[in-house]
């Protein structure tokens, strides 16, 4: 399982709603895929997790819920040890290629604000 440790709510009326402390399946969704790709090495016969590590993020569309997208990046320590994942998600109706570029920049900017030992 994976656990939501923190969430910020959108100001929009239509939003993805997962509460802090919620437990979710590890093998579905963007943050779960990041955890599997960067955590303890999984059997990876088709190179799925290697591809995630190579691109540095995972985009989930309609994977956890048929009307949602999620984009996640790994949080790594200064010694490149996997610590966790940060993710942004929302209704698929608000997502397009330009949004993907903007959200990846936002997530990577936030990674720079995380102080890791």
C-alpha atoms as a PDB file:
ATOM      1  CA  UNK A   1       0.000   0.000   0.000  1.00  0.00           C
ATOM      2  CA  UNK A   2       0.895   3.651  -0.305  1.00  0.00           C
ATOM      3  CA  UNK A   3      -0.283   6.388   2.038  1.00  0.00           C
ATOM      4  CA  UNK A   4      -1.159   9.996   1.258  1.00  0.00           C
ATOM      5  CA  UNK A   5       0.915  12.021   3.739  1.00  0.00           C
ATOM      6  CA  UNK A   6      -0.125  15.502   2.643  1.00  0.00           C
ATOM      7  CA  UNK A   7      -2.518  17.059   0.187  1.00  0.00           C
ATOM      8  CA  UNK A   8      -3.467  20.553  -0.899  1.00  0.00           C
ATOM      9  CA  UNK A   9      -7.005  21.068  -2.152  1.00  0.00           C
ATOM     10  CA  UNK A  10      -7.768  22.812  -5.423  1.00  0.00           C
ATOM     11  CA  UNK A  11      -9.906  25.929  -5.370  1.00  0.00           C
ATOM     12  CA  UNK A  12     -11.929  24.518  -8.280  1.00  0.00           C
ATOM     13  CA  UNK A  13     -15.290  22.954  -7.524  1.00  0.00           C
ATOM     14  CA  UNK A  14     -14.459  19.787  -9.449  1.00  0.00           C
ATOM     15  CA  UNK A  15     -11.356  18.174  -7.962  1.00  0.00           C
ATOM     16  CA  UNK A  16      -9.698  14.882  -7.136  1.00  0.00           C
ATOM     17  CA  UNK A  17     -10.395  14.131  -3.494  1.00  0.00           C
ATOM     18  CA  UNK A  18      -8.029  11.912  -1.520  1.00  0.00           C
ATOM     19  CA  UNK A  19      -7.630  12.656   2.159  1.00  0.00           C
ATOM     20  CA  UNK A  20      -4.410  12.603   4.168  1.00  0.00           C
ATOM     21  CA  UNK A  21      -3.864   9.164   5.641  1.00  0.00           C
ATOM     22  CA  UNK A  22      -5.725   7.402   2.828  1.00  0.00           C
ATOM     23  CA  UNK A  23      -4.280   4.039   1.803  1.00  0.00           C
ATOM     24  CA  UNK A  24      -4.189   3.197  -1.894  1.00  0.00           C
ATOM     25  CA  UNK A  25      -2.996   0.255  -3.955  1.00  0.00           C
ATOM     26  CA  UNK A  26       0.681   0.384  -4.784  1.00  0.00           C
ATOM     27  CA  UNK A  27       0.364  -1.097  -8.264  1.00  0.00           C
ATOM     28  CA  UNK A  28      -1.982   1.587  -9.650  1.00  0.00           C
ATOM     29  CA  UNK A  29      -1.655   5.308 -10.125  1.00  0.00           C
ATOM     30  CA  UNK A  30       1.244   7.657 -10.721  1.00  0.00           C
ATOM     31  CA  UNK A  31       2.719   7.782  -7.218  1.00  0.00           C
ATOM     32  CA  UNK A  32       2.435   4.007  -6.829  1.00  0.00           C
ATOM     33  CA  UNK A  33       4.301   3.461 -10.094  1.00  0.00           C
ATOM     34  CA  UNK A  34       7.035   5.876  -8.970  1.00  0.00           C
ATOM     35  CA  UNK A  35       7.373   4.017  -5.659  1.00  0.00           C
ATOM     36  CA  UNK A  36       7.658   0.692  -7.486  1.00  0.00           C
ATOM     37  CA  UNK A  37      10.145   2.089 -10.030  1.00  0.00           C
ATOM     38  CA  UNK A  38      12.459   3.753  -7.509  1.00  0.00           C
ATOM     39  CA  UNK A  39      11.920   1.685  -4.366  1.00  0.00           C
ATOM     40  CA  UNK A  40      13.038  -1.890  -3.928  1.00  0.00           C
ATOM     41  CA  UNK A  41      13.726  -3.284  -7.375  1.00  0.00           C
ATOM     42  CA  UNK A  42      10.747  -5.065  -8.876  1.00  0.00           C
ATOM     43  CA  UNK A  43      10.801  -7.790 -11.500  1.00  0.00           C
ATOM     44  CA  UNK A  44      10.869  -5.745 -14.671  1.00  0.00           C
ATOM     45  CA  UNK A  45      10.812  -8.142 -17.603  1.00  0.00           C
ATOM     46  CA  UNK A  46       9.460  -5.574 -20.072  1.00  0.00           C
ATOM     47  CA  UNK A  47      11.557  -2.635 -18.851  1.00  0.00           C
ATOM     48  CA  UNK A  48       8.472  -0.768 -17.586  1.00  0.00           C
ATOM     49  CA  UNK A  49      10.085   0.516 -14.369  1.00  0.00           C
ATOM     50  CA  UNK A  50      13.387   1.261 -16.113  1.00  0.00           C
ATOM     51  CA  UNK A  51      11.469   3.450 -18.586  1.00  0.00           C
ATOM     52  CA  UNK A  52       9.906   5.349 -15.669  1.00  0.00           C
ATOM     53  CA  UNK A  53      13.338   5.902 -14.082  1.00  0.00           C
ATOM     54  CA  UNK A  54      14.791   7.013 -17.425  1.00  0.00           C
ATOM     55  CA  UNK A  55      12.099   9.655 -18.002  1.00  0.00           C
ATOM     56  CA  UNK A  56      12.054  10.741 -14.341  1.00  0.00           C
ATOM     57  CA  UNK A  57       8.265  10.867 -13.962  1.00  0.00           C
ATOM     58  CA  UNK A  58       5.109   8.826 -14.494  1.00  0.00           C
ATOM     59  CA  UNK A  59       1.889  10.037 -16.082  1.00  0.00           C
ATOM     60  CA  UNK A  60      -1.280   8.139 -15.242  1.00  0.00           C
ATOM     61  CA  UNK A  61      -4.419   8.738 -17.282  1.00  0.00           C
ATOM     62  CA  UNK A  62      -7.651   6.967 -16.316  1.00  0.00           C
ATOM     63  CA  UNK A  63      -5.615   4.413 -14.331  1.00  0.00           C
ATOM     64  CA  UNK A  64      -6.923   4.951 -10.807  1.00  0.00           C
ATOM     65  CA  UNK A  65     -10.193   6.539 -11.848  1.00  0.00           C
ATOM     66  CA  UNK A  66     -11.726   6.859 -15.317  1.00  0.00           C
ATOM     67  CA  UNK A  67     -11.960  10.654 -15.147  1.00  0.00           C
ATOM     68  CA  UNK A  68      -8.584  11.554 -13.590  1.00  0.00           C
ATOM     69  CA  UNK A  69      -4.976  12.142 -14.523  1.00  0.00           C
ATOM     70  CA  UNK A  70      -1.988  12.119 -12.176  1.00  0.00           C
ATOM     71  CA  UNK A  71       1.619  13.115 -12.727  1.00  0.00           C
ATOM     72  CA  UNK A  72       4.278  12.045 -10.207  1.00  0.00           C
ATOM     73  CA  UNK A  73       8.012  12.533  -9.740  1.00  0.00           C
ATOM     74  CA  UNK A  74      10.383  10.836  -7.289  1.00  0.00           C
ATOM     75  CA  UNK A  75      11.823  12.592  -4.256  1.00  0.00           C
ATOM     76  CA  UNK A  76      15.491  11.638  -3.919  1.00  0.00           C
ATOM     77  CA  UNK A  77      17.951  12.416  -1.131  1.00  0.00           C
ATOM     78  CA  UNK A  78      21.208  14.244  -1.812  1.00  0.00           C
ATOM     79  CA  UNK A  79      22.799  10.801  -2.209  1.00  0.00           C
ATOM     80  CA  UNK A  80      20.086   9.792  -4.740  1.00  0.00           C
ATOM     81  CA  UNK A  81      18.318   7.477  -2.291  1.00  0.00           C
ATOM     82  CA  UNK A  82      14.582   7.197  -2.984  1.00  0.00           C
ATOM     83  CA  UNK A  83      12.531   8.932  -0.285  1.00  0.00           C
ATOM     84  CA  UNK A  84       9.027   9.228  -1.745  1.00  0.00           C
ATOM     85  CA  UNK A  85       6.952  10.787  -4.499  1.00  0.00           C
ATOM     86  CA  UNK A  86       5.103  14.012  -5.080  1.00  0.00           C
ATOM     87  CA  UNK A  87       2.099  14.017  -7.357  1.00  0.00           C
ATOM     88  CA  UNK A  88      -0.401  16.406  -8.847  1.00  0.00           C
ATOM     89  CA  UNK A  89      -3.753  15.107 -10.039  1.00  0.00           C
ATOM     90  CA  UNK A  90      -7.061  16.341 -11.315  1.00  0.00           C
ATOM     91  CA  UNK A  91      -9.904  15.889 -13.768  1.00  0.00           C
ATOM     92  CA  UNK A  92      -8.803  14.666 -17.188  1.00  0.00           C
ATOM     93  CA  UNK A  93     -10.885  17.444 -18.758  1.00  0.00           C
ATOM     94  CA  UNK A  94      -8.226  19.951 -17.569  1.00  0.00           C
ATOM     95  CA  UNK A  95      -5.243  18.010 -18.896  1.00  0.00           C
ATOM     96  CA  UNK A  96      -3.435  18.426 -22.222  1.00  0.00           C
ATOM     97  CA  UNK A  97       0.167  18.426 -23.493  1.00  0.00           C
ATOM     98  CA  UNK A  98       0.754  22.035 -22.421  1.00  0.00           C
ATOM     99  CA  UNK A  99      -0.577  21.232 -18.947  1.00  0.00           C
ATOM    100  CA  UNK A 100       1.819  18.263 -18.763  1.00  0.00           C
ATOM    101  CA  UNK A 101       4.788  20.551 -19.479  1.00  0.00           C
ATOM    102  CA  UNK A 102       3.592  23.127 -16.916  1.00  0.00           C
ATOM    103  CA  UNK A 103       2.950  20.521 -14.223  1.00  0.00           C
ATOM    104  CA  UNK A 104       6.314  18.808 -14.732  1.00  0.00           C
ATOM    105  CA  UNK A 105       7.993  22.190 -14.284  1.00  0.00           C
ATOM    106  CA  UNK A 106       5.912  22.861 -11.156  1.00  0.00           C
ATOM    107  CA  UNK A 107       6.781  19.462  -9.649  1.00  0.00           C
ATOM    108  CA  UNK A 108      10.481  19.832 -10.434  1.00  0.00           C
ATOM    109  CA  UNK A 109      10.495  23.354  -8.972  1.00  0.00           C
ATOM    110  CA  UNK A 110       8.940  21.946  -5.799  1.00  0.00           C
ATOM    111  CA  UNK A 111      11.612  19.242  -5.645  1.00  0.00           C
ATOM    112  CA  UNK A 112      14.193  22.029  -5.481  1.00  0.00           C
ATOM    113  CA  UNK A 113      12.406  23.383  -2.383  1.00  0.00           C
ATOM    114  CA  UNK A 114      12.582  20.068  -0.526  1.00  0.00           C
ATOM    115  CA  UNK A 115      15.596  19.940   1.782  1.00  0.00           C
ATOM    116  CA  UNK A 116      16.931  16.413   2.080  1.00  0.00           C
ATOM    117  CA  UNK A 117      19.838  15.170   4.209  1.00  0.00           C
END
